């Protein structure tokens, strides 16, 4: 199983790259401390709701990569989101 991390998709810095962590360790959604390594496949989740107030989280999958962006030098790790991009949970269940 891939580790699942809660993120804020507002921290996306380009079409498919999101800031992930300032250190090598980050807690997953279950509180487990996960050591991040380049190439690790992960899932991302951002709690969201539809227009009727029903929970419909934003999700994505991707690969952990070292941060190489000069603008965010304090961030060590990013996630390169896969070709499925960010989508709502309801879109996957269809």
N, C-alpha and C. Protein backbone atom coordinates (compact mmCIF):
# COMPACT_ATOMS: atom_id res chain seq x y z
N UNK A 1 0.82 -1.19 0.00
CA UNK A 1 0.00 0.00 0.00
C UNK A 1 0.86 1.25 0.00
N UNK A 2 0.43 2.24 -0.72
CA UNK A 2 1.14 3.51 -0.77
C UNK A 2 0.79 4.34 0.46
N UNK A 3 1.78 5.04 1.02
CA UNK A 3 1.46 5.97 2.10
C UNK A 3 0.54 7.07 1.58
N UNK A 4 -0.35 7.55 2.46
CA UNK A 4 -1.30 8.60 2.10
C UNK A 4 -1.01 9.81 2.98
N UNK A 5 -0.80 10.96 2.35
CA UNK A 5 -0.49 12.19 3.07
C UNK A 5 -1.55 13.24 2.79
N UNK A 6 -1.94 13.96 3.84
CA UNK A 6 -2.85 15.08 3.65
C UNK A 6 -2.03 16.29 3.21
N UNK A 7 -2.49 16.94 2.18
CA UNK A 7 -1.81 18.12 1.64
C UNK A 7 -2.83 19.22 1.40
N UNK A 8 -2.32 20.37 1.11
CA UNK A 8 -3.14 21.49 0.67
C UNK A 8 -2.83 21.70 -0.80
N UNK A 9 -3.76 21.34 -1.67
CA UNK A 9 -3.49 21.45 -3.10
C UNK A 9 -3.31 22.89 -3.56
N UNK A 10 -3.53 23.84 -2.66
CA UNK A 10 -3.20 25.23 -2.97
C UNK A 10 -1.69 25.44 -2.99
N UNK A 11 -0.92 24.48 -2.48
CA UNK A 11 0.53 24.56 -2.48
C UNK A 11 1.15 23.94 -3.72
N UNK A 12 0.35 23.71 -4.73
CA UNK A 12 0.87 23.20 -5.99
C UNK A 12 1.68 24.32 -6.65
N UNK A 13 2.86 23.99 -7.14
CA UNK A 13 3.73 25.04 -7.67
C UNK A 13 3.87 25.01 -9.18
N UNK A 14 3.38 23.98 -9.80
CA UNK A 14 3.21 23.99 -11.25
C UNK A 14 2.13 22.97 -11.58
N UNK A 15 1.93 22.69 -12.81
CA UNK A 15 0.83 21.85 -13.26
C UNK A 15 0.71 20.54 -12.48
N UNK A 16 1.83 19.91 -12.14
CA UNK A 16 1.78 18.60 -11.48
C UNK A 16 2.81 18.46 -10.35
N UNK A 17 3.28 19.54 -9.78
CA UNK A 17 4.29 19.48 -8.72
C UNK A 17 3.77 20.18 -7.48
N UNK A 18 3.82 19.48 -6.33
CA UNK A 18 3.32 20.04 -5.08
C UNK A 18 4.38 19.92 -3.99
N UNK A 19 4.45 20.93 -3.16
CA UNK A 19 5.36 20.91 -2.02
C UNK A 19 4.91 19.82 -1.06
N UNK A 20 5.88 19.07 -0.49
CA UNK A 20 5.52 17.93 0.35
C UNK A 20 6.11 18.00 1.75
N UNK A 21 7.42 18.28 1.89
CA UNK A 21 8.01 18.23 3.23
C UNK A 21 9.33 18.99 3.28
N UNK A 22 9.59 19.57 4.46
CA UNK A 22 10.86 20.25 4.69
C UNK A 22 11.93 19.29 5.22
N UNK A 23 11.50 18.10 5.65
CA UNK A 23 12.43 17.12 6.23
C UNK A 23 12.23 15.75 5.58
N UNK A 24 13.06 14.79 5.99
CA UNK A 24 12.96 13.44 5.45
C UNK A 24 11.80 12.64 6.03
N UNK A 25 11.19 13.12 7.09
CA UNK A 25 10.11 12.38 7.74
C UNK A 25 8.84 13.20 7.73
N UNK A 26 7.72 12.48 7.52
CA UNK A 26 6.41 13.14 7.53
C UNK A 26 5.37 12.14 7.99
N UNK A 27 4.40 12.61 8.76
CA UNK A 27 3.34 11.73 9.23
C UNK A 27 2.30 11.53 8.12
N UNK A 28 1.86 10.27 7.98
CA UNK A 28 0.79 9.99 7.03
C UNK A 28 -0.55 10.27 7.70
N UNK A 29 -1.66 10.00 7.01
CA UNK A 29 -2.97 10.34 7.56
C UNK A 29 -3.34 9.51 8.79
N UNK A 30 -2.60 8.43 9.04
CA UNK A 30 -2.85 7.60 10.21
C UNK A 30 -1.91 7.92 11.37
N UNK A 31 -1.06 8.92 11.19
CA UNK A 31 -0.12 9.31 12.24
C UNK A 31 1.19 8.54 12.24
N UNK A 32 1.39 7.66 11.26
CA UNK A 32 2.65 6.91 11.15
C UNK A 32 3.73 7.82 10.58
N UNK A 33 4.91 7.76 11.14
CA UNK A 33 6.03 8.54 10.62
C UNK A 33 6.64 7.78 9.45
N UNK A 34 6.64 8.42 8.30
CA UNK A 34 7.15 7.81 7.07
C UNK A 34 8.42 8.54 6.65
N UNK A 35 9.45 7.78 6.34
CA UNK A 35 10.69 8.35 5.81
C UNK A 35 10.54 8.48 4.31
N UNK A 36 10.64 9.71 3.82
CA UNK A 36 10.50 9.98 2.40
C UNK A 36 11.79 9.67 1.67
N UNK A 37 11.67 9.03 0.52
CA UNK A 37 12.83 8.76 -0.33
C UNK A 37 12.43 9.03 -1.78
N UNK A 38 13.40 9.43 -2.56
CA UNK A 38 13.16 9.70 -3.98
C UNK A 38 12.62 8.45 -4.65
N UNK A 39 11.57 8.63 -5.44
CA UNK A 39 10.98 7.53 -6.18
C UNK A 39 9.85 6.82 -5.46
N UNK A 40 9.59 7.18 -4.20
CA UNK A 40 8.52 6.56 -3.43
C UNK A 40 7.17 6.95 -4.03
N UNK A 41 6.32 5.96 -4.26
CA UNK A 41 4.97 6.21 -4.76
C UNK A 41 4.06 6.50 -3.57
N UNK A 42 3.30 7.60 -3.67
CA UNK A 42 2.43 8.01 -2.57
C UNK A 42 1.08 8.46 -3.10
N UNK A 43 0.14 8.58 -2.17
CA UNK A 43 -1.17 9.15 -2.45
C UNK A 43 -1.30 10.45 -1.66
N UNK A 44 -2.03 11.39 -2.22
CA UNK A 44 -2.27 12.68 -1.58
C UNK A 44 -3.77 12.89 -1.45
N UNK A 45 -4.18 13.53 -0.35
CA UNK A 45 -5.58 13.81 -0.12
C UNK A 45 -5.73 15.22 0.45
N UNK A 46 -6.76 15.90 0.02
CA UNK A 46 -7.12 17.22 0.55
C UNK A 46 -8.62 17.18 0.79
N UNK A 47 -9.03 17.32 2.05
CA UNK A 47 -10.44 17.25 2.40
C UNK A 47 -11.20 18.35 1.65
N UNK A 48 -12.31 17.95 1.02
CA UNK A 48 -13.11 18.90 0.25
C UNK A 48 -14.57 18.46 0.32
N UNK A 49 -15.44 19.37 -0.05
CA UNK A 49 -16.88 19.10 -0.03
C UNK A 49 -17.51 19.59 -1.32
N UNK A 50 -18.60 18.92 -1.73
CA UNK A 50 -19.30 19.36 -2.93
C UNK A 50 -20.24 20.51 -2.59
N UNK A 51 -20.96 20.98 -3.56
CA UNK A 51 -21.85 22.13 -3.39
C UNK A 51 -22.99 21.87 -2.40
N UNK A 52 -23.28 20.60 -2.14
CA UNK A 52 -24.35 20.25 -1.20
C UNK A 52 -23.83 19.94 0.20
N UNK A 53 -22.53 20.13 0.42
CA UNK A 53 -21.93 19.88 1.73
C UNK A 53 -21.53 18.45 1.97
N UNK A 54 -21.58 17.61 0.94
CA UNK A 54 -21.15 16.22 1.06
C UNK A 54 -19.64 16.13 0.86
N UNK A 55 -19.01 15.33 1.69
CA UNK A 55 -17.56 15.18 1.57
C UNK A 55 -17.20 14.56 0.22
N UNK A 56 -16.27 15.19 -0.47
CA UNK A 56 -15.81 14.75 -1.79
C UNK A 56 -14.35 15.18 -1.92
N UNK A 57 -13.48 14.43 -1.26
CA UNK A 57 -12.07 14.80 -1.17
C UNK A 57 -11.39 14.89 -2.53
N UNK A 58 -10.41 15.78 -2.60
CA UNK A 58 -9.50 15.84 -3.74
C UNK A 58 -8.39 14.84 -3.49
N UNK A 59 -8.04 14.07 -4.51
CA UNK A 59 -6.99 13.08 -4.37
C UNK A 59 -6.07 13.10 -5.58
N UNK A 60 -4.87 12.58 -5.35
CA UNK A 60 -3.90 12.43 -6.43
C UNK A 60 -2.89 11.37 -6.01
N UNK A 61 -2.18 10.86 -6.98
CA UNK A 61 -1.07 9.95 -6.73
C UNK A 61 0.14 10.49 -7.43
N UNK A 62 1.31 10.12 -6.93
CA UNK A 62 2.53 10.58 -7.56
C UNK A 62 3.76 9.97 -6.95
N UNK A 63 4.89 10.59 -7.26
CA UNK A 63 6.21 10.10 -6.85
C UNK A 63 6.94 11.20 -6.11
N UNK A 64 7.58 10.83 -5.00
CA UNK A 64 8.39 11.76 -4.23
C UNK A 64 9.65 12.09 -5.02
N UNK A 65 9.94 13.39 -5.14
CA UNK A 65 11.17 13.83 -5.81
C UNK A 65 11.83 14.93 -4.98
N UNK A 66 13.15 15.06 -5.08
CA UNK A 66 13.80 16.18 -4.38
C UNK A 66 13.33 17.51 -4.95
N UNK A 67 13.20 18.49 -4.09
CA UNK A 67 12.84 19.82 -4.53
C UNK A 67 14.03 20.48 -5.21
N UNK A 68 13.83 20.97 -6.41
CA UNK A 68 14.89 21.67 -7.13
C UNK A 68 14.49 23.09 -7.49
N UNK A 69 13.34 23.53 -6.98
CA UNK A 69 12.87 24.88 -7.28
C UNK A 69 13.59 25.89 -6.40
N UNK A 70 14.12 26.92 -6.99
CA UNK A 70 14.87 27.93 -6.25
C UNK A 70 13.97 28.77 -5.35
N UNK A 71 12.72 28.88 -5.71
CA UNK A 71 11.79 29.73 -4.96
C UNK A 71 11.43 29.17 -3.59
N UNK A 72 11.49 27.86 -3.41
CA UNK A 72 11.09 27.20 -2.15
C UNK A 72 12.27 26.41 -1.58
N UNK A 73 13.35 27.07 -1.27
CA UNK A 73 14.57 26.40 -0.85
C UNK A 73 14.46 25.69 0.49
N UNK A 74 13.48 26.07 1.33
CA UNK A 74 13.33 25.41 2.63
C UNK A 74 12.62 24.06 2.52
N UNK A 75 12.04 23.77 1.37
CA UNK A 75 11.34 22.50 1.15
C UNK A 75 12.32 21.49 0.57
N UNK A 76 12.40 20.32 1.21
CA UNK A 76 13.32 19.28 0.74
C UNK A 76 12.68 18.35 -0.30
N UNK A 77 11.38 18.02 -0.10
CA UNK A 77 10.72 17.04 -0.95
C UNK A 77 9.45 17.61 -1.58
N UNK A 78 9.22 17.21 -2.81
CA UNK A 78 7.99 17.53 -3.53
C UNK A 78 7.38 16.21 -4.00
N UNK A 79 6.18 16.29 -4.53
CA UNK A 79 5.55 15.15 -5.16
C UNK A 79 5.21 15.53 -6.60
N UNK A 80 5.67 14.73 -7.52
CA UNK A 80 5.30 14.88 -8.93
C UNK A 80 4.04 14.05 -9.15
N UNK A 81 2.93 14.74 -9.36
CA UNK A 81 1.64 14.09 -9.51
C UNK A 81 1.58 13.38 -10.87
N UNK A 82 0.99 12.18 -10.85
CA UNK A 82 0.95 11.39 -12.09
C UNK A 82 -0.02 11.97 -13.11
N UNK A 83 -0.12 11.29 -14.24
CA UNK A 83 -0.90 11.80 -15.38
C UNK A 83 -2.40 11.87 -15.10
N UNK A 84 -2.88 11.23 -14.04
CA UNK A 84 -4.30 11.32 -13.68
C UNK A 84 -4.64 12.65 -13.01
N UNK A 85 -3.60 13.37 -12.58
CA UNK A 85 -3.76 14.70 -11.97
C UNK A 85 -4.60 14.66 -10.71
N UNK A 86 -5.05 15.81 -10.28
CA UNK A 86 -5.88 15.94 -9.08
C UNK A 86 -7.34 15.77 -9.49
N UNK A 87 -8.05 14.95 -8.73
CA UNK A 87 -9.47 14.72 -9.04
C UNK A 87 -10.26 14.51 -7.76
N UNK A 88 -11.56 14.60 -7.86
CA UNK A 88 -12.41 14.33 -6.71
C UNK A 88 -12.65 12.83 -6.57
N UNK A 89 -12.84 12.40 -5.34
CA UNK A 89 -13.13 10.99 -5.08
C UNK A 89 -14.34 10.53 -5.88
N UNK A 90 -15.35 11.37 -5.96
CA UNK A 90 -16.58 11.00 -6.69
C UNK A 90 -16.30 10.73 -8.17
N UNK A 91 -15.29 11.34 -8.74
CA UNK A 91 -14.97 11.11 -10.14
C UNK A 91 -14.39 9.71 -10.37
N UNK A 92 -13.76 9.16 -9.36
CA UNK A 92 -13.15 7.84 -9.48
C UNK A 92 -14.17 6.73 -9.31
N UNK A 93 -15.16 6.96 -8.49
CA UNK A 93 -16.16 5.93 -8.19
C UNK A 93 -17.13 5.69 -9.33
N UNK A 94 -17.12 6.53 -10.33
CA UNK A 94 -18.06 6.40 -11.45
C UNK A 94 -17.73 5.23 -12.34
